[in-house]
Structures are given as C-alpha cells and as structure tokens.
Amino acid sequence: MKWLNLKKNRHSGAVLRTGRLRTLAYVLSLVMVLLAIRLFQLQIIKGETYAQRADDQHKKRVEVQSRRGRIVDRNGQELAVDLPQYYSVGVRPGELRETRFLAQTLASFTGRPVSHYMNRLNTRSRFVYLEWRLKEDQAKVLAASNLSGVILNKTPGRFYPYDRATSQLLGYTDVDGHGISGLEVHCDSLL
C-alpha cells in the first residue's frame, strides 16, 4: 500500500509541474502576442509619425555666415570691407582642465575680471563662447598654450580705410555683422 501511495504522490507532482509549464507557456504566448500587436502599432499604424520625428532629430538647418559685401565709391575705391581680423574663443568646458589659467589669460587681454570668465566656465553647457574680438597676437598666445577644449575661430570684422572721414555716411556694424547705422543698416539686406 505504501508503494501505491508513493506512486500516487509522484503523479500529483508531475501533474503540478505540467500545470506550471502550461501556465508559463500561456503567459509567454500572451507576451509574444502583445509584443506583436505593439510592433504592428508602432511600425504600421504610427510608422510615418515616428519616421518623421526621427528625420527631424537627424537633420538640422544651419545658417552659414557669408562675408559682408564691400562698399566702394564711384571709382572702385573701398570704403568698407570685411577682413578676417578677429578671433572668437569658444570652450568645451568638459574637456578643459586649466580653467584658471585660461580665465587669467583672457582677463589680461580684455581687462575683465577673472571671475567673469570663471562664472562663464561654470556651466553644464557643452560649448560656451568666452570672447568674440581677440586680436591675432592674443589668439597666438592662446594657441601656443595648447589648452584642450579651447576653439579659436577667425571671424571677419568690418574695416573702414577712411575711418572718421566716412563714418557719418557709412555707419557701423555690430559684432554679428549686421548694420546698426548709416548705409550699413540702410543697405543691410544687400550687403
């Protein structure tokens, strides 16, 4: 009798295991069906929407600055011209190690306090402009120091050969090269 009772217990364990396996198979089948439905929804029903969103994230319109046109007199003599005469200094703060040295160097060039540059460098931004109109000799000093994360770009500046003699008529441009007075602002769209 004990032997039959032992055999009966074995069968109940096997039935129990089979029940668990069936339940697991049903749950996995249900999960697979739900995943298939979700994939159908994402790829077929909403596919165009997500494709457009991905396209928008991968493409970006960037305006490329062109050189501002020259202003000449009736004889072709230049009165205003763009010359690559200034340097802008940008920094990737995450790559920069010598922040204090850079801040002190820029402060010696511009006369601004070191704290001004240190505050600008204490940011979570990936890129920060520190100065826009450094002269060539100052840019060479920064380039010679080989600081990682510092980017020097040569930018054009407006040059007026007859400076004061034509300033009232020609006017001036701002840092970004847009006219702010005189012919520079009147003919801004043409220049």
C-alpha atoms as a PDB file:
ATOM      1  CA  MET A   1       0.000   0.000   0.000  1.00  0.00           C
ATOM      2  CA  LYS A   2       2.803   2.356   0.781  1.00  0.00           C
ATOM      3  CA  TRP A   3       4.225   1.667  -2.601  1.00  0.00           C
ATOM      4  CA  LEU A   4       0.951   2.681  -4.323  1.00  0.00           C
ATOM      5  CA  ASN A   5       0.682   5.758  -2.154  1.00  0.00           C
ATOM      6  CA  LEU A   6       4.234   6.745  -3.120  1.00  0.00           C
ATOM      7  CA  LYS A   7       3.388   6.233  -6.808  1.00  0.00           C
ATOM      8  CA  LYS A   8       0.304   8.434  -6.436  1.00  0.00           C
ATOM      9  CA  ASN A   9       2.409  11.257  -4.946  1.00  0.00           C
ATOM     10  CA  ARG A  10       4.760  11.091  -7.914  1.00  0.00           C
ATOM     11  CA  HIS A  11       1.854  11.541 -10.309  1.00  0.00           C
ATOM     12  CA  SER A  12       0.467  14.538  -8.430  1.00  0.00           C
ATOM     13  CA  GLY A  13       3.905  16.235  -8.628  1.00  0.00           C
ATOM     14  CA  ALA A  14       4.109  15.544 -12.346  1.00  0.00           C
ATOM     15  CA  VAL A  15       0.624  16.979 -12.884  1.00  0.00           C
ATOM     16  CA  LEU A  16       1.585  20.005 -10.832  1.00  0.00           C
ATOM     17  CA  ARG A  17       4.763  20.542 -12.918  1.00  0.00           C
ATOM     18  CA  THR A  18       2.842  20.102 -16.161  1.00  0.00           C
ATOM     19  CA  GLY A  19       0.302  22.676 -14.996  1.00  0.00           C
ATOM     20  CA  ARG A  20       3.055  25.149 -14.232  1.00  0.00           C
ATOM     21  CA  LEU A  21       4.654  24.593 -17.638  1.00  0.00           C
ATOM     22  CA  ARG A  22       1.310  25.132 -19.373  1.00  0.00           C
ATOM     23  CA  THR A  23       0.723  28.339 -17.401  1.00  0.00           C
ATOM     24  CA  LEU A  24       4.208  29.546 -18.281  1.00  0.00           C
ATOM     25  CA  ALA A  25       3.628  28.691 -21.955  1.00  0.00           C
ATOM     26  CA  TYR A  26       0.315  30.622 -21.945  1.00  0.00           C
ATOM     27  CA  VAL A  27       1.925  33.658 -20.295  1.00  0.00           C
ATOM     28  CA  LEU A  28       4.832  33.633 -22.761  1.00  0.00           C
ATOM     29  CA  SER A  29       2.412  33.243 -25.678  1.00  0.00           C
ATOM     30  CA  LEU A  30       0.361  36.175 -24.376  1.00  0.00           C
ATOM     31  CA  VAL A  31       3.503  38.319 -24.035  1.00  0.00           C
ATOM     32  CA  MET A  32       4.551  37.438 -27.596  1.00  0.00           C
ATOM     33  CA  VAL A  33       1.075  38.317 -28.949  1.00  0.00           C
ATOM     34  CA  LEU A  34       1.135  41.642 -27.067  1.00  0.00           C
ATOM     35  CA  LEU A  35       4.605  42.418 -28.437  1.00  0.00           C
ATOM     36  CA  ALA A  36       3.463  41.587 -31.964  1.00  0.00           C
ATOM     37  CA  ILE A  37       0.449  43.900 -31.569  1.00  0.00           C
ATOM     38  CA  ARG A  38       2.670  46.696 -30.240  1.00  0.00           C
ATOM     39  CA  LEU A  39       5.153  46.250 -33.108  1.00  0.00           C
ATOM     40  CA  PHE A  40       2.292  46.382 -35.595  1.00  0.00           C
ATOM     41  CA  GLN A  41       1.048  49.582 -33.980  1.00  0.00           C
ATOM     42  CA  LEU A  42       4.496  51.235 -33.986  1.00  0.00           C
ATOM     43  CA  GLN A  43       5.621  50.182 -37.458  1.00  0.00           C
ATOM     44  CA  ILE A  44       2.430  50.096 -39.491  1.00  0.00           C
ATOM     45  CA  ILE A  45      -0.107  52.371 -37.833  1.00  0.00           C
ATOM     46  CA  LYS A  46       2.210  55.090 -36.431  1.00  0.00           C
ATOM     47  CA  GLY A  47       5.227  54.382 -38.648  1.00  0.00           C
ATOM     48  CA  GLU A  48       5.035  57.615 -40.656  1.00  0.00           C
ATOM     49  CA  THR A  49       4.816  59.735 -37.497  1.00  0.00           C
ATOM     50  CA  TYR A  50       7.883  58.136 -35.936  1.00  0.00           C
ATOM     51  CA  ALA A  51       9.816  58.219 -39.214  1.00  0.00           C
ATOM     52  CA  GLN A  52       9.156  61.966 -39.480  1.00  0.00           C
ATOM     53  CA  ARG A  53      10.188  62.509 -35.857  1.00  0.00           C
ATOM     54  CA  ALA A  54      13.439  60.596 -36.414  1.00  0.00           C
ATOM     55  CA  ASP A  55      14.106  62.577 -39.582  1.00  0.00           C
ATOM     56  CA  ASP A  56      13.592  65.853 -37.679  1.00  0.00           C
ATOM     57  CA  GLN A  57      16.052  64.753 -34.988  1.00  0.00           C
ATOM     58  CA  HIS A  58      18.767  63.851 -37.501  1.00  0.00           C
ATOM     59  CA  LYS A  59      18.567  66.914 -39.727  1.00  0.00           C
ATOM     60  CA  LYS A  60      19.043  70.497 -38.686  1.00  0.00           C
ATOM     61  CA  ARG A  61      19.045  73.694 -40.696  1.00  0.00           C
ATOM     62  CA  VAL A  62      22.200  75.684 -40.050  1.00  0.00           C
ATOM     63  CA  GLU A  63      22.775  79.139 -41.448  1.00  0.00           C
ATOM     64  CA  VAL A  64      26.234  79.644 -42.859  1.00  0.00           C
ATOM     65  CA  GLN A  65      27.576  83.151 -42.478  1.00  0.00           C
ATOM     66  CA  SER A  66      28.792  84.735 -45.669  1.00  0.00           C
ATOM     67  CA  ARG A  67      31.150  87.652 -45.882  1.00  0.00           C
ATOM     68  CA  ARG A  68      29.506  91.043 -45.872  1.00  0.00           C
ATOM     69  CA  GLY A  69      29.768  92.875 -49.170  1.00  0.00           C
ATOM     70  CA  ARG A  70      32.130  95.757 -49.839  1.00  0.00           C
ATOM     71  CA  ILE A  71      31.096  99.391 -50.080  1.00  0.00           C
ATOM     72  CA  VAL A  72      33.045 101.236 -52.792  1.00  0.00           C
ATOM     73  CA  ASP A  73      32.958 104.750 -54.202  1.00  0.00           C
ATOM     74  CA  ARG A  74      32.321 105.540 -57.874  1.00  0.00           C
ATOM     75  CA  ASN A  75      35.987 104.887 -58.710  1.00  0.00           C
ATOM     76  CA  GLY A  76      36.004 101.459 -57.101  1.00  0.00           C
ATOM     77  CA  GLN A  77      37.957 102.651 -54.029  1.00  0.00           C
ATOM     78  CA  GLU A  78      36.989 100.537 -50.987  1.00  0.00           C
ATOM     79  CA  LEU A  79      35.247 102.460 -48.229  1.00  0.00           C
ATOM     80  CA  ALA A  80      34.146  99.452 -46.129  1.00  0.00           C
ATOM     81  CA  VAL A  81      35.295  95.850 -46.386  1.00  0.00           C
ATOM     82  CA  ASP A  82      35.182  92.662 -44.296  1.00  0.00           C
ATOM     83  CA  LEU A  83      38.611  91.427 -43.260  1.00  0.00           C
ATOM     84  CA  PRO A  84      39.390  88.278 -41.256  1.00  0.00           C
ATOM     85  CA  GLN A  85      40.944  90.244 -38.450  1.00  0.00           C
ATOM     86  CA  TYR A  86      39.437  88.969 -35.208  1.00  0.00           C
ATOM     87  CA  TYR A  87      39.297  85.677 -33.359  1.00  0.00           C
ATOM     88  CA  SER A  88      36.456  84.245 -31.315  1.00  0.00           C
ATOM     89  CA  VAL A  89      37.264  81.960 -28.393  1.00  0.00           C
ATOM     90  CA  GLY A  90      34.933  79.095 -27.603  1.00  0.00           C
ATOM     91  CA  VAL A  91      35.392  76.404 -24.979  1.00  0.00           C
ATOM     92  CA  ARG A  92      34.103  72.915 -24.319  1.00  0.00           C
ATOM     93  CA  PRO A  93      34.072  73.141 -20.506  1.00  0.00           C
ATOM     94  CA  GLY A  94      34.018  69.357 -20.071  1.00  0.00           C
ATOM     95  CA  GLU A  95      37.362  68.994 -21.879  1.00  0.00           C
ATOM     96  CA  LEU A  96      39.115  71.991 -20.306  1.00  0.00           C
ATOM     97  CA  ARG A  97      41.475  71.262 -17.412  1.00  0.00           C
ATOM     98  CA  GLU A  98      43.277  74.588 -16.895  1.00  0.00           C
ATOM     99  CA  THR A  99      40.247  76.828 -16.343  1.00  0.00           C
ATOM    100  CA  ARG A 100      42.031  79.245 -14.021  1.00  0.00           C
ATOM    101  CA  PHE A 101      44.934  79.742 -16.454  1.00  0.00           C
ATOM    102  CA  LEU A 102      42.553  80.405 -19.344  1.00  0.00           C
ATOM    103  CA  ALA A 103      40.485  82.861 -17.290  1.00  0.00           C
ATOM    104  CA  GLN A 104      43.620  84.750 -16.189  1.00  0.00           C
ATOM    105  CA  THR A 105      44.981  84.891 -19.739  1.00  0.00           C
ATOM    106  CA  LEU A 106      41.720  86.233 -21.175  1.00  0.00           C
ATOM    107  CA  ALA A 107      41.393  88.724 -18.306  1.00  0.00           C
ATOM    108  CA  SER A 108      44.874  90.077 -19.089  1.00  0.00           C
ATOM    109  CA  PHE A 109      43.809  90.601 -22.747  1.00  0.00           C
ATOM    110  CA  THR A 110      40.421  92.216 -22.134  1.00  0.00           C
ATOM    111  CA  GLY A 111      40.674  93.876 -18.727  1.00  0.00           C
ATOM    112  CA  ARG A 112      37.639  91.983 -17.464  1.00  0.00           C
ATOM    113  CA  PRO A 113      37.845  90.317 -14.047  1.00  0.00           C
ATOM    114  CA  VAL A 114      38.895  86.671 -13.820  1.00  0.00           C
ATOM    115  CA  SER A 115      35.595  85.937 -12.046  1.00  0.00           C
ATOM    116  CA  HIS A 116      33.709  86.873 -15.253  1.00  0.00           C
ATOM    117  CA  TYR A 117      35.349  84.013 -17.141  1.00  0.00           C
ATOM    118  CA  MET A 118      35.183  81.587 -14.225  1.00  0.00           C
ATOM    119  CA  ASN A 119      31.416  82.168 -13.984  1.00  0.00           C
ATOM    120  CA  ARG A 120      31.010  81.516 -17.704  1.00  0.00           C
ATOM    121  CA  LEU A 121      33.093  78.331 -17.427  1.00  0.00           C
ATOM    122  CA  ASN A 122      30.977  77.020 -14.513  1.00  0.00           C
ATOM    123  CA  THR A 123      28.199  75.690 -16.723  1.00  0.00           C
ATOM    124  CA  ARG A 124      26.687  72.419 -17.804  1.00  0.00           C
ATOM    125  CA  SER A 125      26.650  73.536 -21.434  1.00  0.00           C
ATOM    126  CA  ARG A 126      28.779  71.589 -23.869  1.00  0.00           C
ATOM    127  CA  PHE A 127      30.059  74.744 -25.544  1.00  0.00           C
ATOM    128  CA  VAL A 128      30.486  78.350 -24.376  1.00  0.00           C
ATOM    129  CA  TYR A 129      31.809  81.430 -26.187  1.00  0.00           C
ATOM    130  CA  LEU A 130      34.144  83.452 -23.980  1.00  0.00           C
ATOM    131  CA  GLU A 131      35.319  86.251 -26.277  1.00  0.00           C
ATOM    132  CA  TRP A 132      34.471  87.412 -29.790  1.00  0.00           C
ATOM    133  CA  ARG A 133      37.028  90.008 -30.821  1.00  0.00           C
ATOM    134  CA  LEU A 134      40.540  88.942 -29.882  1.00  0.00           C
ATOM    135  CA  LYS A 135      43.448  90.203 -31.953  1.00  0.00           C
ATOM    136  CA  GLU A 136      45.796  87.877 -33.810  1.00  0.00           C
ATOM    137  CA  ASP A 137      48.684  88.193 -31.335  1.00  0.00           C
ATOM    138  CA  GLN A 138      46.362  87.354 -28.436  1.00  0.00           C
ATOM    139  CA  ALA A 139      44.993  84.340 -30.311  1.00  0.00           C
ATOM    140  CA  LYS A 140      48.553  83.145 -30.954  1.00  0.00           C
ATOM    141  CA  VAL A 141      49.260  83.213 -27.205  1.00  0.00           C
ATOM    142  CA  LEU A 142      46.191  81.046 -26.567  1.00  0.00           C
ATOM    143  CA  ALA A 143      47.055  78.690 -29.430  1.00  0.00           C
ATOM    144  CA  ALA A 144      50.630  78.303 -28.135  1.00  0.00           C
ATOM    145  CA  SER A 145      49.376  77.242 -24.693  1.00  0.00           C
ATOM    146  CA  ASN A 146      47.787  74.095 -26.261  1.00  0.00           C
ATOM    147  CA  LEU A 147      44.780  74.059 -23.953  1.00  0.00           C
ATOM    148  CA  SER A 148      42.453  71.145 -24.669  1.00  0.00           C
ATOM    149  CA  GLY A 149      38.840  72.156 -25.237  1.00  0.00           C
ATOM    150  CA  VAL A 150      39.653  75.689 -26.486  1.00  0.00           C
ATOM    151  CA  ILE A 151      38.489  76.535 -30.008  1.00  0.00           C
ATOM    152  CA  LEU A 152      39.771  79.592 -31.880  1.00  0.00           C
ATOM    153  CA  ASN A 153      37.863  80.762 -34.959  1.00  0.00           C
ATOM    154  CA  LYS A 154      38.943  83.557 -37.228  1.00  0.00           C
ATOM    155  CA  THR A 155      35.996  85.881 -37.772  1.00  0.00           C
ATOM    156  CA  PRO A 156      35.648  88.792 -40.135  1.00  0.00           C
ATOM    157  CA  GLY A 157      35.471  92.322 -38.852  1.00  0.00           C
ATOM    158  CA  ARG A 158      34.387  95.424 -40.732  1.00  0.00           C
ATOM    159  CA  PHE A 159      37.309  97.618 -41.731  1.00  0.00           C
ATOM    160  CA  TYR A 160      36.903 101.253 -42.786  1.00  0.00           C
ATOM    161  CA  PRO A 161      40.041 102.574 -44.525  1.00  0.00           C
ATOM    162  CA  TYR A 162      38.945 106.216 -44.164  1.00  0.00           C
ATOM    163  CA  ASP A 163      37.674 105.694 -40.599  1.00  0.00           C
ATOM    164  CA  ARG A 164      36.407 109.072 -39.329  1.00  0.00           C
ATOM    165  CA  ALA A 165      36.064 110.774 -42.708  1.00  0.00           C
ATOM    166  CA  THR A 166      33.268 108.445 -43.853  1.00  0.00           C
ATOM    167  CA  SER A 167      31.826 107.236 -40.536  1.00  0.00           C
ATOM    168  CA  GLN A 168      28.746 109.501 -40.560  1.00  0.00           C
ATOM    169  CA  LEU A 169      27.719 108.323 -44.014  1.00  0.00           C
ATOM    170  CA  LEU A 170      28.747 104.651 -43.904  1.00  0.00           C
ATOM    171  CA  GLY A 171      27.763 103.916 -40.307  1.00  0.00           C
ATOM    172  CA  TYR A 172      28.891 100.781 -38.457  1.00  0.00           C
ATOM    173  CA  THR A 173      28.081  97.100 -37.962  1.00  0.00           C
ATOM    174  CA  ASP A 174      27.603  95.135 -34.771  1.00  0.00           C
ATOM    175  CA  VAL A 175      29.583  92.094 -33.648  1.00  0.00           C
ATOM    176  CA  ASP A 176      27.396  89.770 -35.739  1.00  0.00           C
ATOM    177  CA  GLY A 177      27.978  91.807 -38.913  1.00  0.00           C
ATOM    178  CA  HIS A 178      24.545  93.476 -39.101  1.00  0.00           C
ATOM    179  CA  GLY A 179      24.329  97.173 -39.896  1.00  0.00           C
ATOM    180  CA  ILE A 180      23.442  99.443 -36.989  1.00  0.00           C
ATOM    181  CA  SER A 181      23.701 102.898 -38.598  1.00  0.00           C
ATOM    182  CA  GLY A 182      24.212 104.763 -41.866  1.00  0.00           C
ATOM    183  CA  LEU A 183      24.491 102.943 -45.214  1.00  0.00           C
ATOM    184  CA  GLU A 184      25.385  99.760 -43.347  1.00  0.00           C
ATOM    185  CA  VAL A 185      21.853  99.496 -41.926  1.00  0.00           C
ATOM    186  CA  HIS A 186      20.086 101.070 -44.934  1.00  0.00           C
ATOM    187  CA  CYS A 187      21.623  98.524 -47.336  1.00  0.00           C
ATOM    188  CA  ASP A 188      21.840  95.650 -44.826  1.00  0.00           C
ATOM    189  CA  SER A 189      19.871  93.196 -46.973  1.00  0.00           C
ATOM    190  CA  LEU A 190      22.076  93.929 -49.998  1.00  0.00           C
ATOM    191  CA  LEU A 191      25.356  93.744 -48.122  1.00  0.00           C
END
